[in-house]
Amino acid sequence: MSFQRILEEMVAEVDGSIAALFLDYDGEAVDVAGRNVPKHDLQVIGAYQGIFLDRVRKICTTVSHGEPLRFKIDMEGSSFLNTVLKDGYYLVLVLRKGTREALAWQHLDNCRSRILVEM
């Protein structure tokens, strides 16, 4: 199964999701899926999430807390759920405000497992 298809299924399954992104260690989009969001905008979102992930990694290293596995960024009207894959790759799920976060994390974890099998 393609990465694109896995991302599209997650976006379809999560009420309130806006987009899903699969990114490499440089913040470049491997694949993206979104609901009426221009691909370029998704690529920019993914790149910035990569910068945030890099900062979180550095903080965790500095305070000897190990490798971060996932983190969330809340914005005024949306949230970004981030999870680490392997070899610097990561996933981002973009949600509208008010989305059931626990369910979204479950879907993101499932998507993570599926992509890891394909990698």
PDB file of N, CA and C in Angstrom:
ATOM      1  N   MET A   1       0.850  -1.181   0.000  1.00  0.00           N
ATOM      2  CA  MET A   1       0.000   0.000   0.000  1.00  0.00           C
ATOM      3  C   MET A   1       0.893   1.240   0.000  1.00  0.00           C
ATOM      4  N   SER A   2       0.472   2.277  -0.676  1.00  0.00           N
ATOM      5  CA  SER A   2       1.283   3.492  -0.765  1.00  0.00           C
ATOM      6  C   SER A   2       1.130   4.366   0.481  1.00  0.00           C
ATOM      7  N   PHE A   3       2.162   5.148   0.735  1.00  0.00           N
ATOM      8  CA  PHE A   3       2.114   6.085   1.854  1.00  0.00           C
ATOM      9  C   PHE A   3       0.964   7.063   1.676  1.00  0.00           C
ATOM     10  N   GLN A   4       0.780   7.526   0.454  1.00  0.00           N
ATOM     11  CA  GLN A   4      -0.293   8.482   0.150  1.00  0.00           C
ATOM     12  C   GLN A   4      -1.641   7.915   0.577  1.00  0.00           C
ATOM     13  N   ARG A   5      -1.882   6.684   0.241  1.00  0.00           N
ATOM     14  CA  ARG A   5      -3.163   6.030   0.563  1.00  0.00           C
ATOM     15  C   ARG A   5      -3.357   5.922   2.077  1.00  0.00           C
ATOM     16  N   ILE A   6      -2.298   5.574   2.789  1.00  0.00           N
ATOM     17  CA  ILE A   6      -2.371   5.467   4.250  1.00  0.00           C
ATOM     18  C   ILE A   6      -2.732   6.819   4.860  1.00  0.00           C
ATOM     19  N   LEU A   7      -2.106   7.884   4.369  1.00  0.00           N
ATOM     20  CA  LEU A   7      -2.402   9.231   4.868  1.00  0.00           C
ATOM     21  C   LEU A   7      -3.829   9.632   4.540  1.00  0.00           C
ATOM     22  N   GLU A   8      -4.263   9.364   3.325  1.00  0.00           N
ATOM     23  CA  GLU A   8      -5.629   9.702   2.917  1.00  0.00           C
ATOM     24  C   GLU A   8      -6.661   8.990   3.780  1.00  0.00           C
ATOM     25  N   GLU A   9      -6.403   7.730   4.097  1.00  0.00           N
ATOM     26  CA  GLU A   9      -7.326   6.977   4.945  1.00  0.00           C
ATOM     27  C   GLU A   9      -7.407   7.590   6.336  1.00  0.00           C
ATOM     28  N   MET A  10      -6.266   8.005   6.885  1.00  0.00           N
ATOM     29  CA  MET A  10      -6.292   8.613   8.210  1.00  0.00           C
ATOM     30  C   MET A  10      -7.073   9.920   8.193  1.00  0.00           C
ATOM     31  N   VAL A  11      -6.851  10.751   7.201  1.00  0.00           N
ATOM     32  CA  VAL A  11      -7.580  12.018   7.107  1.00  0.00           C
ATOM     33  C   VAL A  11      -9.083  11.754   7.002  1.00  0.00           C
ATOM     34  N   ALA A  12      -9.462  10.742   6.233  1.00  0.00           N
ATOM     35  CA  ALA A  12     -10.880  10.410   6.063  1.00  0.00           C
ATOM     36  C   ALA A  12     -11.494   9.872   7.360  1.00  0.00           C
ATOM     37  N   GLU A  13     -10.703   9.158   8.154  1.00  0.00           N
ATOM     38  CA  GLU A  13     -11.214   8.518   9.361  1.00  0.00           C
ATOM     39  C   GLU A  13     -11.310   9.452  10.565  1.00  0.00           C
ATOM     40  N   VAL A  14     -10.545  10.519  10.578  1.00  0.00           N
ATOM     41  CA  VAL A  14     -10.508  11.412  11.741  1.00  0.00           C
ATOM     42  C   VAL A  14     -11.378  12.635  11.472  1.00  0.00           C
ATOM     43  N   ASP A  15     -12.542  12.668  12.117  1.00  0.00           N
ATOM     44  CA  ASP A  15     -13.407  13.848  12.010  1.00  0.00           C
ATOM     45  C   ASP A  15     -12.665  15.062  12.550  1.00  0.00           C
ATOM     46  N   GLY A  16     -12.619  16.112  11.769  1.00  0.00           N
ATOM     47  CA  GLY A  16     -11.925  17.320  12.191  1.00  0.00           C
ATOM     48  C   GLY A  16     -10.490  17.397  11.727  1.00  0.00           C
ATOM     49  N   SER A  17     -10.031  16.359  11.017  1.00  0.00           N
ATOM     50  CA  SER A  17      -8.658  16.441  10.505  1.00  0.00           C
ATOM     51  C   SER A  17      -8.627  17.350   9.280  1.00  0.00           C
ATOM     52  N   ILE A  18      -7.522  18.014   9.112  1.00  0.00           N
ATOM     53  CA  ILE A  18      -7.311  18.909   7.971  1.00  0.00           C
ATOM     54  C   ILE A  18      -6.330  18.283   6.999  1.00  0.00           C
ATOM     55  N   ALA A  19      -5.271  17.671   7.552  1.00  0.00           N
ATOM     56  CA  ALA A  19      -4.234  17.110   6.688  1.00  0.00           C
ATOM     57  C   ALA A  19      -3.360  16.132   7.471  1.00  0.00           C
ATOM     58  N   ALA A  20      -2.674  15.287   6.712  1.00  0.00           N
ATOM     59  CA  ALA A  20      -1.672  14.378   7.261  1.00  0.00           C
ATOM     60  C   ALA A  20      -0.428  14.496   6.398  1.00  0.00           C
ATOM     61  N   LEU A  21       0.733  14.490   7.031  1.00  0.00           N
ATOM     62  CA  LEU A  21       1.990  14.668   6.322  1.00  0.00           C
ATOM     63  C   LEU A  21       3.006  13.617   6.755  1.00  0.00           C
ATOM     64  N   PHE A  22       3.722  13.084   5.793  1.00  0.00           N
ATOM     65  CA  PHE A  22       4.821  12.147   6.032  1.00  0.00           C
ATOM     66  C   PHE A  22       6.062  12.856   5.520  1.00  0.00           C
ATOM     67  N   LEU A  23       7.019  13.107   6.425  1.00  0.00           N
ATOM     68  CA  LEU A  23       8.161  13.950   6.096  1.00  0.00           C
ATOM     69  C   LEU A  23       9.475  13.261   6.411  1.00  0.00           C
ATOM     70  N   ASP A  24      10.521  13.694   5.695  1.00  0.00           N
ATOM     71  CA  ASP A  24      11.846  13.112   5.925  1.00  0.00           C
ATOM     72  C   ASP A  24      12.634  13.966   6.906  1.00  0.00           C
ATOM     73  N   TYR A  25      13.872  13.569   7.169  1.00  0.00           N
ATOM     74  CA  TYR A  25      14.748  14.209   8.148  1.00  0.00           C
ATOM     75  C   TYR A  25      15.063  15.672   7.818  1.00  0.00           C
ATOM     76  N   ASP A  26      14.884  16.091   6.561  1.00  0.00           N
ATOM     77  CA  ASP A  26      15.104  17.489   6.178  1.00  0.00           C
ATOM     78  C   ASP A  26      13.819  18.311   6.186  1.00  0.00           C
ATOM     79  N   GLY A  27      12.713  17.712   6.577  1.00  0.00           N
ATOM     80  CA  GLY A  27      11.428  18.413   6.565  1.00  0.00           C
ATOM     81  C   GLY A  27      10.775  18.434   5.201  1.00  0.00           C
ATOM     82  N   GLU A  28      11.319  17.653   4.271  1.00  0.00           N
ATOM     83  CA  GLU A  28      10.733  17.562   2.926  1.00  0.00           C
ATOM     84  C   GLU A  28       9.600  16.553   2.941  1.00  0.00           C
ATOM     85  N   ALA A  29       8.519  16.885   2.254  1.00  0.00           N
ATOM     86  CA  ALA A  29       7.354  16.009   2.209  1.00  0.00           C
ATOM     87  C   ALA A  29       7.629  14.781   1.349  1.00  0.00           C
ATOM     88  N   VAL A  30       7.456  13.615   1.943  1.00  0.00           N
ATOM     89  CA  VAL A  30       7.483  12.366   1.199  1.00  0.00           C
ATOM     90  C   VAL A  30       6.120  12.199   0.548  1.00  0.00           C
ATOM     91  N   ASP A  31       5.061  12.394   1.354  1.00  0.00           N
ATOM     92  CA  ASP A  31       3.674  12.382   0.881  1.00  0.00           C
ATOM     93  C   ASP A  31       2.833  13.242   1.793  1.00  0.00           C
ATOM     94  N   VAL A  32       1.772  13.807   1.252  1.00  0.00           N
ATOM     95  CA  VAL A  32       0.823  14.593   2.032  1.00  0.00           C
ATOM     96  C   VAL A  32      -0.588  14.267   1.554  1.00  0.00           C
ATOM     97  N   ALA A  33      -1.538  14.438   2.457  1.00  0.00           N
ATOM     98  CA  ALA A  33      -2.952  14.295   2.117  1.00  0.00           C
ATOM     99  C   ALA A  33      -3.705  15.359   2.894  1.00  0.00           C
ATOM    100  N   GLY A  34      -4.588  16.055   2.227  1.00  0.00           N
ATOM    101  CA  GLY A  34      -5.321  17.109   2.912  1.00  0.00           C
ATOM    102  C   GLY A  34      -6.672  17.369   2.310  1.00  0.00           C
ATOM    103  N   ARG A  35      -7.488  18.039   3.084  1.00  0.00           N
ATOM    104  CA  ARG A  35      -8.835  18.421   2.660  1.00  0.00           C
ATOM    105  C   ARG A  35      -8.801  19.872   2.190  1.00  0.00           C
ATOM    106  N   ASN A  36      -8.721  20.052   0.907  1.00  0.00           N
ATOM    107  CA  ASN A  36      -8.764  21.383   0.297  1.00  0.00           C
ATOM    108  C   ASN A  36      -7.672  22.318   0.807  1.00  0.00           C
ATOM    109  N   VAL A  37      -6.495  21.780   1.007  1.00  0.00           N
ATOM    110  CA  VAL A  37      -5.345  22.584   1.411  1.00  0.00           C
ATOM    111  C   VAL A  37      -4.294  22.444   0.313  1.00  0.00           C
ATOM    112  N   PRO A  38      -3.795  23.573  -0.207  1.00  0.00           N
ATOM    113  CA  PRO A  38      -2.777  23.487  -1.257  1.00  0.00           C
ATOM    114  C   PRO A  38      -1.546  22.700  -0.793  1.00  0.00           C
ATOM    115  N   LYS A  39      -1.001  21.887  -1.674  1.00  0.00           N
ATOM    116  CA  LYS A  39       0.152  21.044  -1.337  1.00  0.00           C
ATOM    117  C   LYS A  39       1.320  21.883  -0.825  1.00  0.00           C
ATOM    118  N   HIS A  40       1.554  23.030  -1.421  1.00  0.00           N
ATOM    119  CA  HIS A  40       2.662  23.888  -0.975  1.00  0.00           C
ATOM    120  C   HIS A  40       2.474  24.301   0.479  1.00  0.00           C
ATOM    121  N   ASP A  41       1.251  24.649   0.866  1.00  0.00           N
ATOM    122  CA  ASP A  41       0.985  25.025   2.259  1.00  0.00           C
ATOM    123  C   ASP A  41       1.291  23.869   3.200  1.00  0.00           C
ATOM    124  N   LEU A  42       0.922  22.668   2.788  1.00  0.00           N
ATOM    125  CA  LEU A  42       1.197  21.489   3.603  1.00  0.00           C
ATOM    126  C   LEU A  42       2.706  21.256   3.737  1.00  0.00           C
ATOM    127  N   GLN A  43       3.426  21.478   2.659  1.00  0.00           N
ATOM    128  CA  GLN A  43       4.873  21.305   2.698  1.00  0.00           C
ATOM    129  C   GLN A  43       5.522  22.301   3.659  1.00  0.00           C
ATOM    130  N   VAL A  44       5.022  23.523   3.677  1.00  0.00           N
ATOM    131  CA  VAL A  44       5.548  24.542   4.594  1.00  0.00           C
ATOM    132  C   VAL A  44       5.241  24.156   6.035  1.00  0.00           C
ATOM    133  N   ILE A  45       4.012  23.716   6.295  1.00  0.00           N
ATOM    134  CA  ILE A  45       3.634  23.264   7.637  1.00  0.00           C
ATOM    135  C   ILE A  45       4.575  22.148   8.083  1.00  0.00           C
ATOM    136  N   GLY A  46       4.793  21.180   7.213  1.00  0.00           N
ATOM    137  CA  GLY A  46       5.662  20.056   7.544  1.00  0.00           C
ATOM    138  C   GLY A  46       7.079  20.480   7.854  1.00  0.00           C
ATOM    139  N   ALA A  47       7.607  21.408   7.082  1.00  0.00           N
ATOM    140  CA  ALA A  47       8.972  21.883   7.308  1.00  0.00           C
ATOM    141  C   ALA A  47       9.085  22.558   8.676  1.00  0.00           C
ATOM    142  N   TYR A  48       8.108  23.372   9.032  1.00  0.00           N
ATOM    143  CA  TYR A  48       8.151  24.029  10.343  1.00  0.00           C
ATOM    144  C   TYR A  48       8.002  23.032  11.476  1.00  0.00           C
ATOM    145  N   GLN A  49       7.179  22.010  11.284  1.00  0.00           N
ATOM    146  CA  GLN A  49       7.056  20.985  12.317  1.00  0.00           C
ATOM    147  C   GLN A  49       8.399  20.280  12.507  1.00  0.00           C
ATOM    148  N   GLY A  50       9.149  20.119  11.415  1.00  0.00           N
ATOM    149  CA  GLY A  50      10.481  19.531  11.505  1.00  0.00           C
ATOM    150  C   GLY A  50      11.428  20.386  12.320  1.00  0.00           C
ATOM    151  N   ILE A  51      11.330  21.697  12.164  1.00  0.00           N
ATOM    152  CA  ILE A  51      12.150  22.617  12.960  1.00  0.00           C
ATOM    153  C   ILE A  51      11.794  22.481  14.432  1.00  0.00           C
ATOM    154  N   PHE A  52      10.486  22.418  14.736  1.00  0.00           N
ATOM    155  CA  PHE A  52      10.058  22.257  16.125  1.00  0.00           C
ATOM    156  C   PHE A  52      10.552  20.923  16.690  1.00  0.00           C
ATOM    157  N   LEU A  53      10.451  19.861  15.888  1.00  0.00           N
ATOM    158  CA  LEU A  53      10.922  18.547  16.328  1.00  0.00           C
ATOM    159  C   LEU A  53      12.416  18.584  16.638  1.00  0.00           C
ATOM    160  N   ASP A  54      13.181  19.249  15.797  1.00  0.00           N
ATOM    161  CA  ASP A  54      14.616  19.378  16.032  1.00  0.00           C
ATOM    162  C   ASP A  54      14.892  20.079  17.357  1.00  0.00           C
ATOM    163  N   ARG A  55      14.148  21.138  17.639  1.00  0.00           N
ATOM    164  CA  ARG A  55      14.323  21.879  18.909  1.00  0.00           C
ATOM    165  C   ARG A  55      13.947  21.005  20.108  1.00  0.00           C
ATOM    166  N   VAL A  56      12.838  20.272  19.979  1.00  0.00           N
ATOM    167  CA  VAL A  56      12.423  19.389  21.072  1.00  0.00           C
ATOM    168  C   VAL A  56      13.499  18.329  21.318  1.00  0.00           C
ATOM    169  N   ARG A  57      14.061  17.778  20.247  1.00  0.00           N
ATOM    170  CA  ARG A  57      15.139  16.786  20.396  1.00  0.00           C
ATOM    171  C   ARG A  57      16.330  17.378  21.148  1.00  0.00           C
ATOM    172  N   LYS A  58      16.712  18.594  20.777  1.00  0.00           N
ATOM    173  CA  LYS A  58      17.862  19.234  21.436  1.00  0.00           C
ATOM    174  C   LYS A  58      17.585  19.481  22.916  1.00  0.00           C
ATOM    175  N   ILE A  59      16.382  19.900  23.226  1.00  0.00           N
ATOM    176  CA  ILE A  59      16.022  20.131  24.632  1.00  0.00           C
ATOM    177  C   ILE A  59      16.071  18.816  25.401  1.00  0.00           C
ATOM    178  N   CYS A  60      15.494  17.772  24.826  1.00  0.00           N
ATOM    179  CA  CYS A  60      15.495  16.461  25.491  1.00  0.00           C
ATOM    180  C   CYS A  60      16.909  15.946  25.707  1.00  0.00           C
ATOM    181  N   THR A  61      17.784  16.166  24.746  1.00  0.00           N
ATOM    182  CA  THR A  61      19.183  15.750  24.889  1.00  0.00           C
ATOM    183  C   THR A  61      19.862  16.550  25.990  1.00  0.00           C
ATOM    184  N   THR A  62      19.635  17.854  26.007  1.00  0.00           N
ATOM    185  CA  THR A  62      20.253  18.729  26.999  1.00  0.00           C
ATOM    186  C   THR A  62      19.880  18.325  28.424  1.00  0.00           C
ATOM    187  N   VAL A  63      18.629  17.944  28.625  1.00  0.00           N
ATOM    188  CA  VAL A  63      18.176  17.597  29.974  1.00  0.00           C
ATOM    189  C   VAL A  63      18.165  16.081  30.213  1.00  0.00           C
ATOM    190  N   SER A  64      18.777  15.335  29.294  1.00  0.00           N
ATOM    191  CA  SER A  64      18.934  13.878  29.419  1.00  0.00           C
ATOM    192  C   SER A  64      17.609  13.138  29.633  1.00  0.00           C
ATOM    193  N   HIS A  65      16.621  13.462  28.800  1.00  0.00           N
ATOM    194  CA  HIS A  65      15.317  12.798  28.894  1.00  0.00           C
ATOM    195  C   HIS A  65      15.066  11.806  27.772  1.00  0.00           C
ATOM    196  N   GLY A  66      16.050  11.547  26.952  1.00  0.00           N
ATOM    197  CA  GLY A  66      15.881  10.583  25.864  1.00  0.00           C
ATOM    198  C   GLY A  66      15.257  11.207  24.628  1.00  0.00           C
ATOM    199  N   GLU A  67      14.965  10.348  23.684  1.00  0.00           N
ATOM    200  CA  GLU A  67      14.418  10.769  22.392  1.00  0.00           C
ATOM    201  C   GLU A  67      12.919  11.049  22.508  1.00  0.00           C
ATOM    202  N   PRO A  68      12.433  12.197  22.013  1.00  0.00           N
ATOM    203  CA  PRO A  68      10.989  12.440  22.027  1.00  0.00           C
ATOM    204  C   PRO A  68      10.296  11.488  21.049  1.00  0.00           C
ATOM    205  N   LEU A  69       9.125  11.027  21.428  1.00  0.00           N
ATOM    206  CA  LEU A  69       8.360  10.123  20.578  1.00  0.00           C
ATOM    207  C   LEU A  69       7.223  10.838  19.867  1.00  0.00           C
ATOM    208  N   ARG A  70       6.621  11.787  20.567  1.00  0.00           N
ATOM    209  CA  ARG A  70       5.531  12.560  19.967  1.00  0.00           C
ATOM    210  C   ARG A  70       5.336  13.848  20.748  1.00  0.00           C
ATOM    211  N   PHE A  71       4.739  14.840  20.082  1.00  0.00           N
ATOM    212  CA  PHE A  71       4.432  16.098  20.744  1.00  0.00           C
ATOM    213  C   PHE A  71       3.298  16.796  20.005  1.00  0.00           C
ATOM    214  N   LYS A  72       2.722  17.772  20.675  1.00  0.00           N
ATOM    215  CA  LYS A  72       1.566  18.491  20.142  1.00  0.00           C
ATOM    216  C   LYS A  72       1.828  19.987  20.219  1.00  0.00           C
ATOM    217  N   ILE A  73       1.383  20.690  19.195  1.00  0.00           N
ATOM    218  CA  ILE A  73       1.428  22.151  19.192  1.00  0.00           C
ATOM    219  C   ILE A  73      -0.001  22.640  18.978  1.00  0.00           C
ATOM    220  N   ASP A  74      -0.490  23.450  19.922  1.00  0.00           N
ATOM    221  CA  ASP A  74      -1.821  24.032  19.796  1.00  0.00           C
ATOM    222  C   ASP A  74      -1.712  25.437  19.233  1.00  0.00           C
ATOM    223  N   MET A  75      -2.549  25.706  18.265  1.00  0.00           N
ATOM    224  CA  MET A  75      -2.659  27.047  17.701  1.00  0.00           C
ATOM    225  C   MET A  75      -4.064  27.564  18.045  1.00  0.00           C
ATOM    226  N   GLU A  76      -4.349  28.766  17.673  1.00  0.00           N
ATOM    227  CA  GLU A  76      -5.648  29.349  17.988  1.00  0.00           C
ATOM    228  C   GLU A  76      -6.810  28.537  17.398  1.00  0.00           C
ATOM    229  N   GLY A  77      -6.664  28.106  16.153  1.00  0.00           N
ATOM    230  CA  GLY A  77      -7.769  27.403  15.509  1.00  0.00           C
ATOM    231  C   GLY A  77      -7.463  25.983  15.099  1.00  0.00           C
ATOM    232  N   SER A  78      -6.265  25.497  15.464  1.00  0.00           N
ATOM    233  CA  SER A  78      -5.893  24.150  15.042  1.00  0.00           C
ATOM    234  C   SER A  78      -4.829  23.575  15.974  1.00  0.00           C
ATOM    235  N   SER A  79      -4.562  22.281  15.781  1.00  0.00           N
ATOM    236  CA  SER A  79      -3.508  21.593  16.528  1.00  0.00           C
ATOM    237  C   SER A  79      -2.684  20.765  15.559  1.00  0.00           C
ATOM    238  N   PHE A  80      -1.436  20.545  15.921  1.00  0.00           N
ATOM    239  CA  PHE A  80      -0.524  19.724  15.135  1.00  0.00           C
ATOM    240  C   PHE A  80      -0.043  18.586  16.030  1.00  0.00           C
ATOM    241  N   LEU A  81      -0.401  17.357  15.669  1.00  0.00           N
ATOM    242  CA  LEU A  81       0.078  16.185  16.384  1.00  0.00           C
ATOM    243  C   LEU A  81       1.261  15.639  15.604  1.00  0.00           C
ATOM    244  N   ASN A  82       2.369  15.450  16.268  1.00  0.00           N
ATOM    245  CA  ASN A  82       3.610  14.998  15.640  1.00  0.00           C
ATOM    246  C   ASN A  82       4.063  13.695  16.269  1.00  0.00           C
ATOM    247  N   THR A  83       4.504  12.751  15.455  1.00  0.00           N
ATOM    248  CA  THR A  83       5.066  11.513  15.962  1.00  0.00           C
ATOM    249  C   THR A  83       6.285  11.130  15.128  1.00  0.00           C
ATOM    250  N   VAL A  84       7.274  10.596  15.808  1.00  0.00           N
ATOM    251  CA  VAL A  84       8.542  10.230  15.188  1.00  0.00           C
ATOM    252  C   VAL A  84       8.426   8.816  14.614  1.00  0.00           C
ATOM    253  N   LEU A  85       9.030   8.605  13.446  1.00  0.00           N
ATOM    254  CA  LEU A  85       9.076   7.278  12.832  1.00  0.00           C
ATOM    255  C   LEU A  85      10.450   6.670  13.106  1.00  0.00           C
ATOM    256  N   LYS A  86      11.309   6.635  12.098  1.00  0.00           N
ATOM    257  CA  LYS A  86      12.695   6.179  12.268  1.00  0.00           C
ATOM    258  C   LYS A  86      13.560   6.910  11.259  1.00  0.00           C
ATOM    259  N   ASP A  87      14.855   6.913  11.507  1.00  0.00           N
ATOM    260  CA  ASP A  87      15.832   7.532  10.604  1.00  0.00           C
ATOM    261  C   ASP A  87      15.510   8.996  10.311  1.00  0.00           C
ATOM    262  N   GLY A  88      14.922   9.693  11.294  1.00  0.00           N
ATOM    263  CA  GLY A  88      14.613  11.107  11.129  1.00  0.00           C
ATOM    264  C   GLY A  88      13.278  11.406  10.479  1.00  0.00           C
ATOM    265  N   TYR A  89      12.566  10.407  10.032  1.00  0.00           N
ATOM    266  CA  TYR A  89      11.250  10.608   9.421  1.00  0.00           C
ATOM    267  C   TYR A  89      10.208  10.836  10.510  1.00  0.00           C
ATOM    268  N   TYR A  90       9.139  11.551  10.153  1.00  0.00           N
ATOM    269  CA  TYR A  90       8.089  11.844  11.120  1.00  0.00           C
ATOM    270  C   TYR A  90       6.755  12.072  10.416  1.00  0.00           C
ATOM    271  N   LEU A  91       5.690  11.998  11.212  1.00  0.00           N
ATOM    272  CA  LEU A  91       4.327  12.211  10.727  1.00  0.00           C
ATOM    273  C   LEU A  91       3.719  13.397  11.453  1.00  0.00           C
ATOM    274  N   VAL A  92       2.851  14.114  10.751  1.00  0.00           N
ATOM    275  CA  VAL A  92       2.116  15.224  11.341  1.00  0.00           C
ATOM    276  C   VAL A  92       0.647  15.066  10.961  1.00  0.00           C
ATOM    277  N   LEU A  93      -0.227  15.217  11.937  1.00  0.00           N
ATOM    278  CA  LEU A  93      -1.664  15.249  11.697  1.00  0.00           C
ATOM    279  C   LEU A  93      -2.169  16.619  12.119  1.00  0.00           C
ATOM    280  N   VAL A  94      -2.776  17.339  11.191  1.00  0.00           N
ATOM    281  CA  VAL A  94      -3.276  18.687  11.446  1.00  0.00           C
ATOM    282  C   VAL A  94      -4.771  18.586  11.725  1.00  0.00           C
ATOM    283  N   LEU A  95      -5.200  19.172  12.855  1.00  0.00           N
ATOM    284  CA  LEU A  95      -6.591  19.072  13.291  1.00  0.00           C
ATOM    285  C   LEU A  95      -7.231  20.437  13.478  1.00  0.00           C
ATOM    286  N   ARG A  96      -8.532  20.494  13.224  1.00  0.00           N
ATOM    287  CA  ARG A  96      -9.300  21.690  13.565  1.00  0.00           C
ATOM    288  C   ARG A  96      -9.484  21.739  15.084  1.00  0.00           C
ATOM    289  N   LYS A  97      -9.659  22.936  15.602  1.00  0.00           N
ATOM    290  CA  LYS A  97      -9.939  23.098  17.025  1.00  0.00           C
ATOM    291  C   LYS A  97     -11.218  22.335  17.359  1.00  0.00           C
ATOM    292  N   GLY A  98     -11.206  21.646  18.482  1.00  0.00           N
ATOM    293  CA  GLY A  98     -12.384  20.910  18.919  1.00  0.00           C
ATOM    294  C   GLY A  98     -12.427  19.457  18.485  1.00  0.00           C
ATOM    295  N   THR A  99     -11.427  19.023  17.723  1.00  0.00           N
ATOM    296  CA  THR A  99     -11.371  17.625  17.300  1.00  0.00           C
ATOM    297  C   THR A  99     -11.069  16.739  18.513  1.00  0.00           C
ATOM    298  N   ARG A 100     -11.649  15.559  18.547  1.00  0.00           N
ATOM    299  CA  ARG A 100     -11.410  14.613  19.639  1.00  0.00           C
ATOM    300  C   ARG A 100      -9.956  14.128  19.574  1.00  0.00           C
ATOM    301  N   GLU A 101      -9.152  14.712  20.416  1.00  0.00           N
ATOM    302  CA  GLU A 101      -7.707  14.487  20.344  1.00  0.00           C
ATOM    303  C   GLU A 101      -7.309  13.043  20.648  1.00  0.00           C
ATOM    304  N   ALA A 102      -7.905  12.425  21.639  1.00  0.00           N
ATOM    305  CA  ALA A 102      -7.525  11.056  21.997  1.00  0.00           C
ATOM    306  C   ALA A 102      -7.738  10.115  20.814  1.00  0.00           C
ATOM    307  N   LEU A 103      -8.851  10.273  20.134  1.00  0.00           N
ATOM    308  CA  LEU A 103      -9.132   9.448  18.962  1.00  0.00           C
ATOM    309  C   LEU A 103      -8.146   9.756  17.832  1.00  0.00           C
ATOM    310  N   ALA A 104      -7.813  11.016  17.667  1.00  0.00           N
ATOM    311  CA  ALA A 104      -6.848  11.411  16.631  1.00  0.00           C
ATOM    312  C   ALA A 104      -5.479  10.780  16.903  1.00  0.00           C
ATOM    313  N   TRP A 105      -5.042  10.775  18.179  1.00  0.00           N
ATOM    314  CA  TRP A 105      -3.765  10.141  18.527  1.00  0.00           C
ATOM    315  C   TRP A 105      -3.794   8.651  18.205  1.00  0.00           C
ATOM    316  N   GLN A 106      -4.925   7.990  18.468  1.00  0.00           N
ATOM    317  CA  GLN A 106      -5.038   6.564  18.157  1.00  0.00           C
ATOM    318  C   GLN A 106      -4.867   6.320  16.663  1.00  0.00           C
ATOM    319  N   HIS A 107      -5.513   7.139  15.850  1.00  0.00           N
ATOM    320  CA  HIS A 107      -5.390   6.996  14.400  1.00  0.00           C
ATOM    321  C   HIS A 107      -3.965   7.300  13.937  1.00  0.00           C
ATOM    322  N   LEU A 108      -3.348   8.307  14.537  1.00  0.00           N
ATOM    323  CA  LEU A 108      -1.977   8.644  14.175  1.00  0.00           C
ATOM    324  C   LEU A 108      -1.025   7.499  14.554  1.00  0.00           C
ATOM    325  N   ASP A 109      -1.227   6.904  15.718  1.00  0.00           N
ATOM    326  CA  ASP A 109      -0.396   5.769  16.119  1.00  0.00           C
ATOM    327  C   ASP A 109      -0.579   4.590  15.164  1.00  0.00           C
ATOM    328  N   ASN A 110      -1.812   4.351  14.738  1.00  0.00           N
ATOM    329  CA  ASN A 110      -2.082   3.280  13.772  1.00  0.00           C
ATOM    330  C   ASN A 110      -1.404   3.577  12.437  1.00  0.00           C
ATOM    331  N   CYS A 111      -1.511   4.810  11.981  1.00  0.00           N
ATOM    332  CA  CYS A 111      -0.864   5.231  10.733  1.00  0.00           C
ATOM    333  C   CYS A 111       0.650   5.061  10.855  1.00  0.00           C
ATOM    334  N   ARG A 112       1.204   5.423  11.994  1.00  0.00           N
ATOM    335  CA  ARG A 112       2.641   5.281  12.239  1.00  0.00           C
ATOM    336  C   ARG A 112       3.060   3.821  12.076  1.00  0.00           C
ATOM    337  N   SER A 113       2.306   2.919  12.696  1.00  0.00           N
ATOM    338  CA  SER A 113       2.626   1.487  12.604  1.00  0.00           C
ATOM    339  C   SER A 113       2.575   0.995  11.169  1.00  0.00           C
ATOM    340  N   ARG A 114       1.571   1.416  10.433  1.00  0.00           N
ATOM    341  CA  ARG A 114       1.419   0.990   9.044  1.00  0.00           C
ATOM    342  C   ARG A 114       2.568   1.505   8.176  1.00  0.00           C
ATOM    343  N   ILE A 115       2.961   2.749   8.385  1.00  0.00           N
ATOM    344  CA  ILE A 115       4.053   3.314   7.591  1.00  0.00           C
ATOM    345  C   ILE A 115       5.378   2.649   7.949  1.00  0.00           C
ATOM    346  N   LEU A 116       5.608   2.380   9.228  1.00  0.00           N
ATOM    347  CA  LEU A 116       6.841   1.709   9.620  1.00  0.00           C
ATOM    348  C   LEU A 116       6.971   0.349   8.946  1.00  0.00           C
ATOM    349  N   VAL A 117       5.865  -0.366   8.782  1.00  0.00           N
ATOM    350  CA  VAL A 117       5.898  -1.659   8.092  1.00  0.00           C
ATOM    351  C   VAL A 117       6.317  -1.466   6.625  1.00  0.00           C
ATOM    352  N   GLU A 118       5.839  -0.391   6.002  1.00  0.00           N
ATOM    353  CA  GLU A 118       6.132  -0.124   4.585  1.00  0.00           C
ATOM    354  C   GLU A 118       7.543   0.431   4.364  1.00  0.00           C
ATOM    355  N   MET A 119       8.117   1.012   5.417  1.00  0.00           N
ATOM    356  CA  MET A 119       9.468   1.586   5.274  1.00  0.00           C
ATOM    357  C   MET A 119      10.479   0.462   5.231  1.00  0.00           C
TER     358      MET A 119
END
